[in-house]
Amino acid sequence: MENFTPISALIGGGLIGLGTLLLMAGIGRIAGISGISSALLFQAGDKGWRLAFVLGIIAGPLLAGALIADFSYSTPSLNLHTLIAGLLVGLGTAWGSGCTSGHGICGIGRFSARSIIATLAFMLAGVLVASLFN
């Protein structure tokens, strides 16, 4: 845990919470990124706020990198493993009726039993897979 920075983690978590709160209070929508992205790509209508949300997710780190001198982020290299992993994540979000942000952040915050169970399931699966490969 040599790279753990509790202050920046607290600020980042607070900003994520604020963003989800503003979306829920402002237009009554849950900040489930897989659902927002999927509807943006595959459903007609109601695209304005979805596009703004996705562009904000992309622009946030870019803006922070431009404004903060020692800010860094990384992107995974695209290879067969990351492509398969991405497809499996997409399949899992479809089967689970939501993603880590929708269930883990918004659902647990609303005390949704379904979201608590889903979050426990994907966290357990993540720990098991990480343990197998490390």
Protein backbone atom coordinates (compact mmCIF):
# COMPACT_ATOMS: atom_id res chain seq x y z
CA MET A 1 0.00 0.00 0.00
CA GLU A 2 2.86 2.35 -0.70
CA ASN A 3 0.70 4.40 -3.09
CA PHE A 4 -2.28 4.86 -0.77
CA THR A 5 -3.06 8.53 -0.25
CA PRO A 6 -5.99 8.87 2.15
CA ILE A 7 -6.55 12.60 1.59
CA SER A 8 -6.88 12.32 -2.19
CA ALA A 9 -9.01 9.17 -1.76
CA LEU A 10 -11.32 11.05 0.61
CA ILE A 11 -11.59 14.01 -1.78
CA GLY A 12 -12.23 11.71 -4.76
CA GLY A 13 -14.86 9.71 -2.88
CA GLY A 14 -16.53 12.90 -1.74
CA LEU A 15 -16.66 14.21 -5.31
CA ILE A 16 -18.15 10.92 -6.55
CA GLY A 17 -20.76 11.11 -3.79
CA LEU A 18 -21.52 14.72 -4.61
CA GLY A 19 -21.91 13.89 -8.30
CA THR A 20 -24.31 11.03 -7.60
CA LEU A 21 -26.28 13.18 -5.17
CA LEU A 22 -26.57 16.03 -7.68
CA LEU A 23 -27.78 13.66 -10.41
CA MET A 24 -30.37 12.09 -8.09
CA ALA A 25 -31.55 15.38 -6.60
CA GLY A 26 -31.39 17.27 -9.89
CA ILE A 27 -33.14 14.93 -12.31
CA GLY A 28 -34.00 11.88 -10.19
CA ARG A 29 -31.59 9.52 -11.96
CA ILE A 30 -29.14 6.99 -10.56
CA ALA A 31 -25.49 7.43 -11.58
CA GLY A 32 -25.05 3.90 -12.91
CA ILE A 33 -22.36 4.38 -15.53
CA SER A 34 -23.08 1.18 -17.47
CA GLY A 35 -26.76 2.04 -17.77
CA ILE A 36 -26.06 5.64 -18.73
CA SER A 37 -23.51 4.61 -21.36
CA SER A 38 -25.67 1.81 -22.75
CA ALA A 39 -28.71 4.05 -23.09
CA LEU A 40 -26.58 6.76 -24.69
CA LEU A 41 -25.41 4.31 -27.35
CA PHE A 42 -28.46 2.11 -27.92
CA GLN A 43 -31.64 4.00 -26.96
CA ALA A 44 -33.38 6.89 -28.63
CA GLY A 45 -34.14 10.13 -26.80
CA ASP A 46 -33.01 11.50 -23.45
CA LYS A 47 -29.39 11.75 -24.61
CA GLY A 48 -28.42 15.27 -23.50
CA TRP A 49 -27.73 14.64 -19.83
CA ARG A 50 -26.25 11.21 -20.58
CA LEU A 51 -23.76 12.68 -23.05
CA ALA A 52 -22.83 15.44 -20.59
CA PHE A 53 -22.30 12.82 -17.86
CA VAL A 54 -20.05 10.60 -20.01
CA LEU A 55 -18.08 13.59 -21.32
CA GLY A 56 -17.62 14.77 -17.73
CA ILE A 57 -16.17 11.40 -16.75
CA ILE A 58 -13.68 11.67 -19.60
CA ALA A 59 -12.93 15.38 -19.15
CA GLY A 60 -12.43 15.20 -15.37
CA PRO A 61 -9.05 13.45 -15.33
CA LEU A 62 -7.88 15.39 -18.37
CA LEU A 63 -8.73 18.69 -16.70
CA ALA A 64 -7.17 17.61 -13.40
CA GLY A 65 -4.01 16.58 -15.28
CA ALA A 66 -3.84 19.99 -16.92
CA LEU A 67 -4.36 21.89 -13.65
CA ILE A 68 -2.42 19.77 -11.13
CA ALA A 69 1.30 19.40 -11.78
CA ASP A 70 1.85 16.01 -10.10
CA PHE A 71 -1.48 14.45 -11.12
CA SER A 72 -1.13 11.14 -12.93
CA TYR A 73 -3.45 8.47 -14.20
CA SER A 74 -2.99 5.42 -16.35
CA THR A 75 -5.01 3.55 -18.89
CA PRO A 76 -4.76 -0.19 -19.45
CA SER A 77 -3.15 -1.41 -22.64
CA LEU A 78 -5.61 -2.83 -25.14
CA ASN A 79 -4.94 -6.49 -25.75
CA LEU A 80 -6.99 -9.67 -25.96
CA HIS A 81 -7.15 -10.03 -22.16
CA THR A 82 -8.49 -6.52 -21.54
CA LEU A 83 -10.95 -6.89 -24.42
CA ILE A 84 -12.32 -10.14 -22.98
CA ALA A 85 -12.38 -8.63 -19.50
CA GLY A 86 -14.33 -5.62 -20.79
CA LEU A 87 -16.85 -7.85 -22.53
CA LEU A 88 -17.28 -9.93 -19.37
CA VAL A 89 -17.83 -6.79 -17.30
CA GLY A 90 -20.46 -5.65 -19.79
CA LEU A 91 -22.15 -9.04 -19.63
CA GLY A 92 -22.04 -8.96 -15.83
CA THR A 93 -23.63 -5.52 -15.67
CA ALA A 94 -26.43 -6.70 -17.95
CA TRP A 95 -27.03 -9.84 -15.86
CA GLY A 96 -26.74 -7.93 -12.59
CA SER A 97 -29.00 -5.09 -13.75
CA GLY A 98 -26.32 -2.55 -12.95
CA CYS A 99 -22.65 -1.90 -12.37
CA THR A 100 -20.37 -1.12 -9.46
CA SER A 101 -21.34 2.54 -9.48
CA GLY A 102 -25.07 1.91 -9.74
CA HIS A 103 -25.18 -0.82 -7.11
CA GLY A 104 -22.11 -0.04 -5.01
CA ILE A 105 -22.44 3.71 -4.69
CA CYS A 106 -26.05 4.59 -5.37
CA GLY A 107 -27.80 1.36 -4.40
CA ILE A 108 -26.07 0.88 -1.05
CA GLY A 109 -26.61 4.58 -0.29
CA ARG A 110 -30.35 3.97 -0.80
CA PHE A 111 -30.24 0.79 1.36
CA SER A 112 -31.32 -1.38 -1.60
CA ALA A 113 -31.11 -5.05 -0.58
CA ARG A 114 -30.61 -6.05 -4.22
CA SER A 115 -27.67 -3.65 -4.53
CA ILE A 116 -26.09 -4.78 -1.27
CA ILE A 117 -26.23 -8.41 -2.44
CA ALA A 118 -24.92 -7.50 -5.90
CA THR A 119 -22.04 -5.49 -4.41
CA LEU A 120 -21.09 -8.32 -2.07
CA ALA A 121 -21.16 -10.74 -5.01
CA PHE A 122 -18.96 -8.71 -7.34
CA MET A 123 -16.53 -7.75 -4.57
CA LEU A 124 -16.18 -11.42 -3.58
CA ALA A 125 -15.68 -12.41 -7.23
CA GLY A 126 -13.04 -9.68 -7.64
CA VAL A 127 -11.15 -10.80 -4.54
CA LEU A 128 -11.23 -14.43 -5.68
CA VAL A 129 -10.04 -13.68 -9.21
CA ALA A 130 -7.32 -11.32 -7.97
CA SER A 131 -6.17 -13.98 -5.49
CA LEU A 132 -6.02 -16.62 -8.22
CA PHE A 133 -3.95 -14.48 -10.56
CA ASN A 134 -1.61 -12.97 -7.97
